[in-house]
Structures are given as C-alpha cells and as structure tokens.
Amino acid sequence: MLLVIGFGWLLSIVWLAADGGWTGYAQLGREALWALLFLGVASSGLAYIFWYSGLQKIDAVQAGAFLYIEPFVTMLIAWPLLGERMTISALMRGFAILAGVTLINRA
C-alpha cells in the first residue's frame, strides 16, 4: 500500500514541477491549504488504508460492491452538515442500494 501511495505521490510531484504548478500554491489561503491537506490525508490516504484492509478480509468483487454505498452515505452526511434536502425517493434509492450490497455479500 505504501508503494502505491508513494509511487502516485512521486509521479504527481514530477508532473507538478514540470507543469509549473507550484506557483498556484503561493496564492492559496490558509483554509485552502488545510482543505488540500485534508483531501490528501483523510480522503485519499485513509481511503487507501481502508480499501486495502478490506481486501484482506473479503474478495475484490464484494469490496467493490461497497463503492455503491458512497452516494447514500454522502447524502446522509450532507443532510445535517450542509443542510441538503433529503427526499423520500432518495432514501428509497439508498435503501435499495443497501439491499443490493447486502445480497452481493451474502452470496
């Protein structure tokens, strides 16, 4: 896992340096830098850790089915945090997704 993340980071740094992307970082504010750090560590780094630890416990097909849960979880989190609207039809679709993932993982 460290090799995957390290290799991706190395290629990104080379691409960033070749493209002159470093100049854009100087213009970012403190909140934007914290957001980038969060995206890199929490969203990407922790996601890789959870994904690979999940693959050690279940098959890739079963683990891949959990990716379908992401929009439903996003909706559930965005509702209280961002004040997003939650509709009955969205909840029904979310529960249909959960049922499908449950069925796949029982097989």
PDB file of N, CA and C in Angstrom:
ATOM      1  N   MET A   1       0.829  -1.187   0.000  1.00  0.00           N
ATOM      2  CA  MET A   1       0.000   0.000   0.000  1.00  0.00           C
ATOM      3  C   MET A   1       0.875   1.252   0.000  1.00  0.00           C
ATOM      4  N   LEU A   2       1.927   1.236   0.776  1.00  0.00           N
ATOM      5  CA  LEU A   2       2.828   2.381   0.829  1.00  0.00           C
ATOM      6  C   LEU A   2       3.455   2.629  -0.535  1.00  0.00           C
ATOM      7  N   LEU A   3       3.748   1.554  -1.254  1.00  0.00           N
ATOM      8  CA  LEU A   3       4.321   1.702  -2.594  1.00  0.00           C
ATOM      9  C   LEU A   3       3.344   2.367  -3.549  1.00  0.00           C
ATOM     10  N   VAL A   4       2.070   1.993  -3.470  1.00  0.00           N
ATOM     11  CA  VAL A   4       1.063   2.580  -4.343  1.00  0.00           C
ATOM     12  C   VAL A   4       0.941   4.075  -4.083  1.00  0.00           C
ATOM     13  N   ILE A   5       0.803   4.447  -2.829  1.00  0.00           N
ATOM     14  CA  ILE A   5       0.657   5.860  -2.476  1.00  0.00           C
ATOM     15  C   ILE A   5       1.947   6.623  -2.787  1.00  0.00           C
ATOM     16  N   GLY A   6       3.090   6.038  -2.445  1.00  0.00           N
ATOM     17  CA  GLY A   6       4.381   6.687  -2.709  1.00  0.00           C
ATOM     18  C   GLY A   6       4.640   6.890  -4.188  1.00  0.00           C
ATOM     19  N   PHE A   7       4.329   5.885  -4.992  1.00  0.00           N
ATOM     20  CA  PHE A   7       4.521   5.992  -6.434  1.00  0.00           C
ATOM     21  C   PHE A   7       3.606   7.073  -7.021  1.00  0.00           C
ATOM     22  N   GLY A   8       2.357   7.106  -6.592  1.00  0.00           N
ATOM     23  CA  GLY A   8       1.434   8.138  -7.055  1.00  0.00           C
ATOM     24  C   GLY A   8       1.876   9.530  -6.642  1.00  0.00           C
ATOM     25  N   TRP A   9       2.379   9.654  -5.424  1.00  0.00           N
ATOM     26  CA  TRP A   9       2.862  10.942  -4.933  1.00  0.00           C
ATOM     27  C   TRP A   9       4.069  11.396  -5.745  1.00  0.00           C
ATOM     28  N   LEU A  10       4.986  10.471  -6.015  1.00  0.00           N
ATOM     29  CA  LEU A  10       6.188  10.798  -6.778  1.00  0.00           C
ATOM     30  C   LEU A  10       5.837  11.276  -8.188  1.00  0.00           C
ATOM     31  N   LEU A  11       4.955  10.564  -8.865  1.00  0.00           N
ATOM     32  CA  LEU A  11       4.542  10.981 -10.202  1.00  0.00           C
ATOM     33  C   LEU A  11       3.825  12.333 -10.173  1.00  0.00           C
ATOM     34  N   SER A  12       3.031  12.551  -9.142  1.00  0.00           N
ATOM     35  CA  SER A  12       2.323  13.829  -9.031  1.00  0.00           C
ATOM     36  C   SER A  12       3.292  14.985  -8.830  1.00  0.00           C
ATOM     37  N   ILE A  13       4.309  14.773  -8.015  1.00  0.00           N
ATOM     38  CA  ILE A  13       5.299  15.824  -7.754  1.00  0.00           C
ATOM     39  C   ILE A  13       6.069  16.152  -9.027  1.00  0.00           C
ATOM     40  N   VAL A  14       6.473  15.114  -9.768  1.00  0.00           N
ATOM     41  CA  VAL A  14       7.201  15.340 -11.026  1.00  0.00           C
ATOM     42  C   VAL A  14       6.320  16.108 -12.007  1.00  0.00           C
ATOM     43  N   TRP A  15       5.071  15.698 -12.126  1.00  0.00           N
ATOM     44  CA  TRP A  15       4.138  16.365 -13.040  1.00  0.00           C
ATOM     45  C   TRP A  15       3.904  17.813 -12.600  1.00  0.00           C
ATOM     46  N   LEU A  16       3.741  18.024 -11.317  1.00  0.00           N
ATOM     47  CA  LEU A  16       3.515  19.363 -10.788  1.00  0.00           C
ATOM     48  C   LEU A  16       4.713  20.267 -11.074  1.00  0.00           C
ATOM     49  N   ALA A  17       5.928  19.748 -10.875  1.00  0.00           N
ATOM     50  CA  ALA A  17       7.137  20.534 -11.116  1.00  0.00           C
ATOM     51  C   ALA A  17       7.298  20.839 -12.603  1.00  0.00           C
ATOM     52  N   ALA A  18       7.033  19.869 -13.459  1.00  0.00           N
ATOM     53  CA  ALA A  18       7.185  20.070 -14.903  1.00  0.00           C
ATOM     54  C   ALA A  18       6.146  21.039 -15.448  1.00  0.00           C
ATOM     55  N   ASP A  19       4.985  21.057 -14.849  1.00  0.00           N
ATOM     56  CA  ASP A  19       3.886  21.907 -15.315  1.00  0.00           C
ATOM     57  C   ASP A  19       3.939  23.316 -14.723  1.00  0.00           C
ATOM     58  N   GLY A  20       4.803  23.531 -13.754  1.00  0.00           N
ATOM     59  CA  GLY A  20       4.874  24.838 -13.102  1.00  0.00           C
ATOM     60  C   GLY A  20       3.743  25.076 -12.129  1.00  0.00           C
ATOM     61  N   GLY A  21       3.145  24.004 -11.616  1.00  0.00           N
ATOM     62  CA  GLY A  21       2.004  24.112 -10.725  1.00  0.00           C
ATOM     63  C   GLY A  21       2.322  24.652  -9.345  1.00  0.00           C
ATOM     64  N   TRP A  22       3.597  24.714  -8.990  1.00  0.00           N
ATOM     65  CA  TRP A  22       3.975  25.215  -7.668  1.00  0.00           C
ATOM     66  C   TRP A  22       3.567  26.663  -7.474  1.00  0.00           C
ATOM     67  N   THR A  23       3.501  27.424  -8.554  1.00  0.00           N
ATOM     68  CA  THR A  23       3.193  28.853  -8.420  1.00  0.00           C
ATOM     69  C   THR A  23       1.783  29.085  -7.883  1.00  0.00           C
ATOM     70  N   GLY A  24       0.870  28.173  -8.154  1.00  0.00           N
ATOM     71  CA  GLY A  24      -0.500  28.324  -7.687  1.00  0.00           C
ATOM     72  C   GLY A  24      -0.643  28.167  -6.180  1.00  0.00           C
ATOM     73  N   TYR A  25       0.250  27.398  -5.556  1.00  0.00           N
ATOM     74  CA  TYR A  25       0.160  27.182  -4.107  1.00  0.00           C
ATOM     75  C   TYR A  25       0.432  28.454  -3.319  1.00  0.00           C
ATOM     76  N   ALA A  26       1.259  29.317  -3.856  1.00  0.00           N
ATOM     77  CA  ALA A  26       1.577  30.563  -3.154  1.00  0.00           C
ATOM     78  C   ALA A  26       0.350  31.462  -3.038  1.00  0.00           C
ATOM     79  N   GLN A  27      -0.604  31.302  -3.933  1.00  0.00           N
ATOM     80  CA  GLN A  27      -1.786  32.150  -3.927  1.00  0.00           C
ATOM     81  C   GLN A  27      -2.905  31.596  -3.040  1.00  0.00           C
ATOM     82  N   LEU A  28      -2.746  30.395  -2.571  1.00  0.00           N
ATOM     83  CA  LEU A  28      -3.796  29.786  -1.751  1.00  0.00           C
ATOM     84  C   LEU A  28      -3.785  30.347  -0.337  1.00  0.00           C
ATOM     85  N   GLY A  29      -4.962  30.481   0.201  1.00  0.00           N
ATOM     86  CA  GLY A  29      -5.082  30.928   1.587  1.00  0.00           C
ATOM     87  C   GLY A  29      -4.918  29.767   2.560  1.00  0.00           C
ATOM     88  N   ARG A  30      -4.959  30.093   3.825  1.00  0.00           N
ATOM     89  CA  ARG A  30      -4.769  29.092   4.872  1.00  0.00           C
ATOM     90  C   ARG A  30      -5.849  28.017   4.850  1.00  0.00           C
ATOM     91  N   GLU A  31      -7.103  28.417   4.652  1.00  0.00           N
ATOM     92  CA  GLU A  31      -8.199  27.442   4.610  1.00  0.00           C
ATOM     93  C   GLU A  31      -8.062  26.496   3.429  1.00  0.00           C
ATOM     94  N   ALA A  32      -7.639  27.010   2.297  1.00  0.00           N
ATOM     95  CA  ALA A  32      -7.456  26.174   1.112  1.00  0.00           C
ATOM     96  C   ALA A  32      -6.321  25.171   1.320  1.00  0.00           C
ATOM     97  N   LEU A  33      -5.261  25.596   1.970  1.00  0.00           N
ATOM     98  CA  LEU A  33      -4.154  24.670   2.253  1.00  0.00           C
ATOM     99  C   LEU A  33      -4.586  23.568   3.206  1.00  0.00           C
ATOM    100  N   TRP A  34      -5.376  23.912   4.222  1.00  0.00           N
ATOM    101  CA  TRP A  34      -5.905  22.903   5.145  1.00  0.00           C
ATOM    102  C   TRP A  34      -6.838  21.943   4.410  1.00  0.00           C
ATOM    103  N   ALA A  35      -7.625  22.478   3.484  1.00  0.00           N
ATOM    104  CA  ALA A  35      -8.530  21.637   2.693  1.00  0.00           C
ATOM    105  C   ALA A  35      -7.733  20.653   1.840  1.00  0.00           C
ATOM    106  N   LEU A  36      -6.656  21.114   1.224  1.00  0.00           N
ATOM    107  CA  LEU A  36      -5.801  20.227   0.433  1.00  0.00           C
ATOM    108  C   LEU A  36      -5.169  19.146   1.305  1.00  0.00           C
ATOM    109  N   LEU A  37      -4.719  19.540   2.468  1.00  0.00           N
ATOM    110  CA  LEU A  37      -4.132  18.565   3.394  1.00  0.00           C
ATOM    111  C   LEU A  37      -5.166  17.520   3.805  1.00  0.00           C
ATOM    112  N   PHE A  38      -6.371  17.970   4.093  1.00  0.00           N
ATOM    113  CA  PHE A  38      -7.442  17.040   4.459  1.00  0.00           C
ATOM    114  C   PHE A  38      -7.757  16.089   3.314  1.00  0.00           C
ATOM    115  N   LEU A  39      -7.855  16.628   2.095  1.00  0.00           N
ATOM    116  CA  LEU A  39      -8.132  15.778   0.937  1.00  0.00           C
ATOM    117  C   LEU A  39      -7.038  14.743   0.722  1.00  0.00           C
ATOM    118  N   GLY A  40      -5.805  15.144   0.917  1.00  0.00           N
ATOM    119  CA  GLY A  40      -4.695  14.221   0.718  1.00  0.00           C
ATOM    120  C   GLY A  40      -4.614  13.155   1.794  1.00  0.00           C
ATOM    121  N   VAL A  41      -4.743  13.556   3.041  1.00  0.00           N
ATOM    122  CA  VAL A  41      -4.582  12.612   4.146  1.00  0.00           C
ATOM    123  C   VAL A  41      -5.860  11.824   4.404  1.00  0.00           C
ATOM    124  N   ALA A  42      -6.951  12.511   4.656  1.00  0.00           N
ATOM    125  CA  ALA A  42      -8.192  11.828   5.046  1.00  0.00           C
ATOM    126  C   ALA A  42      -8.876  11.175   3.856  1.00  0.00           C
ATOM    127  N   SER A  43      -9.133  11.954   2.823  1.00  0.00           N
ATOM    128  CA  SER A  43      -9.911  11.413   1.713  1.00  0.00           C
ATOM    129  C   SER A  43      -9.146  10.388   0.899  1.00  0.00           C
ATOM    130  N   SER A  44      -7.888  10.637   0.639  1.00  0.00           N
ATOM    131  CA  SER A  44      -7.119   9.696  -0.175  1.00  0.00           C
ATOM    132  C   SER A  44      -6.365   8.683   0.684  1.00  0.00           C
ATOM    133  N   GLY A  45      -5.586   9.169   1.614  1.00  0.00           N
ATOM    134  CA  GLY A  45      -4.746   8.279   2.415  1.00  0.00           C
ATOM    135  C   GLY A  45      -5.543   7.275   3.227  1.00  0.00           C
ATOM    136  N   LEU A  46      -6.517   7.740   3.981  1.00  0.00           N
ATOM    137  CA  LEU A  46      -7.334   6.828   4.788  1.00  0.00           C
ATOM    138  C   LEU A  46      -8.183   5.916   3.913  1.00  0.00           C
ATOM    139  N   ALA A  47      -8.623   6.441   2.776  1.00  0.00           N
ATOM    140  CA  ALA A  47      -9.417   5.609   1.866  1.00  0.00           C
ATOM    141  C   ALA A  47      -8.594   4.420   1.371  1.00  0.00           C
ATOM    142  N   TYR A  48      -7.339   4.645   1.025  1.00  0.00           N
ATOM    143  CA  TYR A  48      -6.475   3.543   0.603  1.00  0.00           C
ATOM    144  C   TYR A  48      -6.264   2.543   1.736  1.00  0.00           C
ATOM    145  N   ILE A  49      -6.052   3.037   2.927  1.00  0.00           N
ATOM    146  CA  ILE A  49      -5.844   2.133   4.066  1.00  0.00           C
ATOM    147  C   ILE A  49      -7.078   1.267   4.288  1.00  0.00           C
ATOM    148  N   PHE A  50      -8.253   1.885   4.294  1.00  0.00           N
ATOM    149  CA  PHE A  50      -9.490   1.115   4.490  1.00  0.00           C
ATOM    150  C   PHE A  50      -9.732   0.144   3.341  1.00  0.00           C
ATOM    151  N   TRP A  51      -9.465   0.579   2.102  1.00  0.00           N
ATOM    152  CA  TRP A  51      -9.690  -0.269   0.939  1.00  0.00           C
ATOM    153  C   TRP A  51      -8.812  -1.520   1.001  1.00  0.00           C
ATOM    154  N   TYR A  52      -7.518  -1.327   1.237  1.00  0.00           N
ATOM    155  CA  TYR A  52      -6.615  -2.483   1.252  1.00  0.00           C
ATOM    156  C   TYR A  52      -6.837  -3.379   2.467  1.00  0.00           C
ATOM    157  N   SER A  53      -7.206  -2.814   3.592  1.00  0.00           N
ATOM    158  CA  SER A  53      -7.509  -3.675   4.743  1.00  0.00           C
ATOM    159  C   SER A  53      -8.802  -4.447   4.488  1.00  0.00           C
ATOM    160  N   GLY A  54      -9.744  -3.829   3.781  1.00  0.00           N
ATOM    161  CA  GLY A  54     -10.965  -4.547   3.403  1.00  0.00           C
ATOM    162  C   GLY A  54     -10.682  -5.686   2.433  1.00  0.00           C
ATOM    163  N   LEU A  55      -9.770  -5.454   1.493  1.00  0.00           N
ATOM    164  CA  LEU A  55      -9.421  -6.501   0.531  1.00  0.00           C
ATOM    165  C   LEU A  55      -8.734  -7.694   1.188  1.00  0.00           C
ATOM    166  N   GLN A  56      -8.136  -7.496   2.331  1.00  0.00           N
ATOM    167  CA  GLN A  56      -7.528  -8.616   3.057  1.00  0.00           C
ATOM    168  C   GLN A  56      -8.588  -9.495   3.711  1.00  0.00           C
ATOM    169  N   LYS A  57      -9.778  -8.959   3.904  1.00  0.00           N
ATOM    170  CA  LYS A  57     -10.824  -9.702   4.599  1.00  0.00           C
ATOM    171  C   LYS A  57     -11.872 -10.294   3.668  1.00  0.00           C
ATOM    172  N   ILE A  58     -12.166  -9.611   2.539  1.00  0.00           N
ATOM    173  CA  ILE A  58     -13.188 -10.098   1.612  1.00  0.00           C
ATOM    174  C   ILE A  58     -12.662 -10.001   0.178  1.00  0.00           C
ATOM    175  N   ASP A  59     -13.351 -10.656  -0.752  1.00  0.00           N
ATOM    176  CA  ASP A  59     -12.976 -10.643  -2.160  1.00  0.00           C
ATOM    177  C   ASP A  59     -13.142  -9.249  -2.755  1.00  0.00           C
ATOM    178  N   ALA A  60     -12.428  -9.009  -3.857  1.00  0.00           N
ATOM    179  CA  ALA A  60     -12.493  -7.715  -4.527  1.00  0.00           C
ATOM    180  C   ALA A  60     -13.898  -7.416  -5.045  1.00  0.00           C
ATOM    181  N   VAL A  61     -14.613  -8.436  -5.508  1.00  0.00           N
ATOM    182  CA  VAL A  61     -15.973  -8.226  -6.011  1.00  0.00           C
ATOM    183  C   VAL A  61     -16.884  -7.754  -4.888  1.00  0.00           C
ATOM    184  N   GLN A  62     -16.766  -8.381  -3.731  1.00  0.00           N
ATOM    185  CA  GLN A  62     -17.582  -7.971  -2.590  1.00  0.00           C
ATOM    186  C   GLN A  62     -17.185  -6.575  -2.108  1.00  0.00           C
ATOM    187  N   ALA A  63     -15.891  -6.300  -2.063  1.00  0.00           N
ATOM    188  CA  ALA A  63     -15.432  -4.974  -1.628  1.00  0.00           C
ATOM    189  C   ALA A  63     -15.880  -3.902  -2.609  1.00  0.00           C
ATOM    190  N   GLY A  64     -15.836  -4.220  -3.902  1.00  0.00           N
ATOM    191  CA  GLY A  64     -16.269  -3.257  -4.915  1.00  0.00           C
ATOM    192  C   GLY A  64     -17.730  -2.883  -4.788  1.00  0.00           C
ATOM    193  N   ALA A  65     -18.534  -3.805  -4.298  1.00  0.00           N
ATOM    194  CA  ALA A  65     -19.958  -3.519  -4.118  1.00  0.00           C
ATOM    195  C   ALA A  65     -20.177  -2.397  -3.110  1.00  0.00           C
ATOM    196  N   PHE A  66     -19.265  -2.244  -2.173  1.00  0.00           N
ATOM    197  CA  PHE A  66     -19.410  -1.192  -1.162  1.00  0.00           C
ATOM    198  C   PHE A  66     -19.241   0.202  -1.748  1.00  0.00           C
ATOM    199  N   LEU A  67     -18.631   0.309  -2.936  1.00  0.00           N
ATOM    200  CA  LEU A  67     -18.498   1.612  -3.583  1.00  0.00           C
ATOM    201  C   LEU A  67     -19.862   2.202  -3.932  1.00  0.00           C
ATOM    202  N   TYR A  68     -20.862   1.339  -4.112  1.00  0.00           N
ATOM    203  CA  TYR A  68     -22.209   1.816  -4.433  1.00  0.00           C
ATOM    204  C   TYR A  68     -22.874   2.509  -3.243  1.00  0.00           C
ATOM    205  N   ILE A  69     -22.358   2.268  -2.052  1.00  0.00           N
ATOM    206  CA  ILE A  69     -22.919   2.881  -0.847  1.00  0.00           C
ATOM    207  C   ILE A  69     -22.491   4.338  -0.710  1.00  0.00           C
ATOM    208  N   GLU A  70     -21.408   4.715  -1.363  1.00  0.00           N
ATOM    209  CA  GLU A  70     -20.840   6.051  -1.198  1.00  0.00           C
ATOM    210  C   GLU A  70     -21.838   7.187  -1.422  1.00  0.00           C
ATOM    211  N   PRO A  71     -22.630   7.195  -2.502  1.00  0.00           N
ATOM    212  CA  PRO A  71     -23.581   8.315  -2.664  1.00  0.00           C
ATOM    213  C   PRO A  71     -24.618   8.379  -1.542  1.00  0.00           C
ATOM    214  N   PHE A  72     -25.046   7.223  -1.064  1.00  0.00           N
ATOM    215  CA  PHE A  72     -26.033   7.188   0.018  1.00  0.00           C
ATOM    216  C   PHE A  72     -25.442   7.754   1.307  1.00  0.00           C
ATOM    217  N   VAL A  73     -24.230   7.348   1.633  1.00  0.00           N
ATOM    218  CA  VAL A  73     -23.566   7.859   2.837  1.00  0.00           C
ATOM    219  C   VAL A  73     -23.305   9.361   2.697  1.00  0.00           C
ATOM    220  N   THR A  74     -22.903   9.781   1.502  1.00  0.00           N
ATOM    221  CA  THR A  74     -22.681  11.209   1.259  1.00  0.00           C
ATOM    222  C   THR A  74     -23.954  12.006   1.505  1.00  0.00           C
ATOM    223  N   MET A  75     -25.071  11.483   1.024  1.00  0.00           N
ATOM    224  CA  MET A  75     -26.349  12.161   1.234  1.00  0.00           C
ATOM    225  C   MET A  75     -26.681  12.232   2.727  1.00  0.00           C
ATOM    226  N   LEU A  76     -26.463  11.139   3.446  1.00  0.00           N
ATOM    227  CA  LEU A  76     -26.769  11.123   4.878  1.00  0.00           C
ATOM    228  C   LEU A  76     -25.891  12.096   5.663  1.00  0.00           C
ATOM    229  N   ILE A  77     -24.656  12.267   5.230  1.00  0.00           N
ATOM    230  CA  ILE A  77     -23.755  13.201   5.913  1.00  0.00           C
ATOM    231  C   ILE A  77     -24.058  14.646   5.515  1.00  0.00           C
ATOM    232  N   ALA A  78     -24.379  14.871   4.232  1.00  0.00           N
ATOM    233  CA  ALA A  78     -24.638  16.234   3.750  1.00  0.00           C
ATOM    234  C   ALA A  78     -25.935  16.810   4.307  1.00  0.00           C
ATOM    235  N   TRP A  79     -26.851  15.946   4.683  1.00  0.00           N
ATOM    236  CA  TRP A  79     -28.133  16.409   5.219  1.00  0.00           C
ATOM    237  C   TRP A  79     -27.952  17.245   6.486  1.00  0.00           C
ATOM    238  N   PRO A  80     -27.304  16.722   7.541  1.00  0.00           N
ATOM    239  CA  PRO A  80     -27.154  17.563   8.735  1.00  0.00           C
ATOM    240  C   PRO A  80     -26.031  18.593   8.627  1.00  0.00           C
ATOM    241  N   LEU A  81     -24.949  18.253   7.937  1.00  0.00           N
ATOM    242  CA  LEU A  81     -23.803  19.163   7.904  1.00  0.00           C
ATOM    243  C   LEU A  81     -23.986  20.338   6.950  1.00  0.00           C
ATOM    244  N   LEU A  82     -24.586  20.087   5.802  1.00  0.00           N
ATOM    245  CA  LEU A  82     -24.699  21.132   4.789  1.00  0.00           C
ATOM    246  C   LEU A  82     -26.128  21.608   4.566  1.00  0.00           C
ATOM    247  N   GLY A  83     -27.069  20.994   5.257  1.00  0.00           N
ATOM    248  CA  GLY A  83     -28.461  21.385   5.094  1.00  0.00           C
ATOM    249  C   GLY A  83     -29.062  20.946   3.766  1.00  0.00           C
ATOM    250  N   GLU A  84     -28.492  19.886   3.165  1.00  0.00           N
ATOM    251  CA  GLU A  84     -29.028  19.375   1.902  1.00  0.00           C
ATOM    252  C   GLU A  84     -30.413  18.786   2.123  1.00  0.00           C
ATOM    253  N   ARG A  85     -31.232  18.834   1.079  1.00  0.00           N
ATOM    254  CA  ARG A  85     -32.589  18.269   1.156  1.00  0.00           C
ATOM    255  C   ARG A  85     -32.536  16.754   1.086  1.00  0.00           C
ATOM    256  N   MET A  86     -33.283  16.109   1.931  1.00  0.00           N
ATOM    257  CA  MET A  86     -33.406  14.656   1.885  1.00  0.00           C
ATOM    258  C   MET A  86     -34.838  14.340   1.475  1.00  0.00           C
ATOM    259  N   THR A  87     -34.974  13.618   0.375  1.00  0.00           N
ATOM    260  CA  THR A  87     -36.311  13.281  -0.118  1.00  0.00           C
ATOM    261  C   THR A  87     -36.607  11.803   0.137  1.00  0.00           C
ATOM    262  N   ILE A  88     -37.867  11.477   0.115  1.00  0.00           N
ATOM    263  CA  ILE A  88     -38.293  10.085   0.306  1.00  0.00           C
ATOM    264  C   ILE A  88     -37.735   9.207  -0.817  1.00  0.00           C
ATOM    265  N   SER A  89     -37.771   9.706  -2.052  1.00  0.00           N
ATOM    266  CA  SER A  89     -37.271   8.896  -3.169  1.00  0.00           C
ATOM    267  C   SER A  89     -35.770   8.648  -3.043  1.00  0.00           C
ATOM    268  N   ALA A  90     -35.012   9.629  -2.557  1.00  0.00           N
ATOM    269  CA  ALA A  90     -33.571   9.436  -2.355  1.00  0.00           C
ATOM    270  C   ALA A  90     -33.326   8.391  -1.267  1.00  0.00           C
ATOM    271  N   LEU A  91     -34.099   8.446  -0.201  1.00  0.00           N
ATOM    272  CA  LEU A  91     -33.968   7.438   0.855  1.00  0.00           C
ATOM    273  C   LEU A  91     -34.326   6.045   0.340  1.00  0.00           C
ATOM    274  N   MET A  92     -35.356   5.951  -0.470  1.00  0.00           N
ATOM    275  CA  MET A  92     -35.749   4.650  -1.021  1.00  0.00           C
ATOM    276  C   MET A  92     -34.645   4.095  -1.927  1.00  0.00           C
ATOM    277  N   ARG A  93     -34.055   4.952  -2.742  1.00  0.00           N
ATOM    278  CA  ARG A  93     -32.945   4.500  -3.593  1.00  0.00           C
ATOM    279  C   ARG A  93     -31.761   4.071  -2.738  1.00  0.00           C
ATOM    280  N   GLY A  94     -31.491   4.812  -1.675  1.00  0.00           N
ATOM    281  CA  GLY A  94     -30.390   4.445  -0.779  1.00  0.00           C
ATOM    282  C   GLY A  94     -30.606   3.096  -0.127  1.00  0.00           C
ATOM    283  N   PHE A  95     -31.822   2.842   0.317  1.00  0.00           N
ATOM    284  CA  PHE A  95     -32.109   1.543   0.936  1.00  0.00           C
ATOM    285  C   PHE A  95     -32.069   0.421  -0.092  1.00  0.00           C
ATOM    286  N   ALA A  96     -32.418   0.719  -1.347  1.00  0.00           N
ATOM    287  CA  ALA A  96     -32.291  -0.279  -2.415  1.00  0.00           C
ATOM    288  C   ALA A  96     -30.820  -0.613  -2.648  1.00  0.00           C
ATOM    289  N   ILE A  97     -29.961   0.393  -2.588  1.00  0.00           N
ATOM    290  CA  ILE A  97     -28.520   0.166  -2.717  1.00  0.00           C
ATOM    291  C   ILE A  97     -28.021  -0.713  -1.577  1.00  0.00           C
ATOM    292  N   LEU A  98     -28.424  -0.379  -0.351  1.00  0.00           N
ATOM    293  CA  LEU A  98     -28.013  -1.179   0.808  1.00  0.00           C
ATOM    294  C   LEU A  98     -28.478  -2.625   0.677  1.00  0.00           C
ATOM    295  N   ALA A  99     -29.695  -2.822   0.183  1.00  0.00           N
ATOM    296  CA  ALA A  99     -30.201  -4.183  -0.005  1.00  0.00           C
ATOM    297  C   ALA A  99     -29.379  -4.929  -1.049  1.00  0.00           C
ATOM    298  N   GLY A 100     -29.029  -4.254  -2.138  1.00  0.00           N
ATOM    299  CA  GLY A 100     -28.219  -4.891  -3.163  1.00  0.00           C
ATOM    300  C   GLY A 100     -26.847  -5.279  -2.669  1.00  0.00           C
ATOM    301  N   VAL A 101     -26.196  -4.384  -1.936  1.00  0.00           N
ATOM    302  CA  VAL A 101     -24.876  -4.693  -1.380  1.00  0.00           C
ATOM    303  C   VAL A 101     -24.961  -5.837  -0.393  1.00  0.00           C
ATOM    304  N   THR A 102     -26.029  -5.871   0.403  1.00  0.00           N
ATOM    305  CA  THR A 102     -26.218  -6.969   1.362  1.00  0.00           C
ATOM    306  C   THR A 102     -26.378  -8.296   0.620  1.00  0.00           C
ATOM    307  N   LEU A 103     -27.159  -8.292  -0.448  1.00  0.00           N
ATOM    308  CA  LEU A 103     -27.355  -9.512  -1.221  1.00  0.00           C
ATOM    309  C   LEU A 103     -26.055 -10.001  -1.853  1.00  0.00           C
ATOM    310  N   ILE A 104     -25.272  -9.099  -2.385  1.00  0.00           N
ATOM    311  CA  ILE A 104     -23.993  -9.479  -3.000  1.00  0.00           C
ATOM    312  C   ILE A 104     -23.049 -10.081  -1.971  1.00  0.00           C
ATOM    313  N   ASN A 105     -23.027  -9.526  -0.778  1.00  0.00           N
ATOM    314  CA  ASN A 105     -22.096 -10.003   0.232  1.00  0.00           C
ATOM    315  C   ASN A 105     -22.571 -11.269   0.929  1.00  0.00           C
ATOM    316  N   ARG A 106     -23.811 -11.658   0.751  1.00  0.00           N
ATOM    317  CA  ARG A 106     -24.291 -12.927   1.313  1.00  0.00           C
ATOM    318  C   ARG A 106     -23.982 -14.096   0.402  1.00  0.00           C
ATOM    319  N   ALA A 107     -23.759 -13.825  -0.870  1.00  0.00           N
ATOM    320  CA  ALA A 107     -23.535 -14.903  -1.839  1.00  0.00           C
ATOM    321  C   ALA A 107     -22.201 -15.565  -1.673  1.00  0.00           C
TER     322      ALA A 107
END
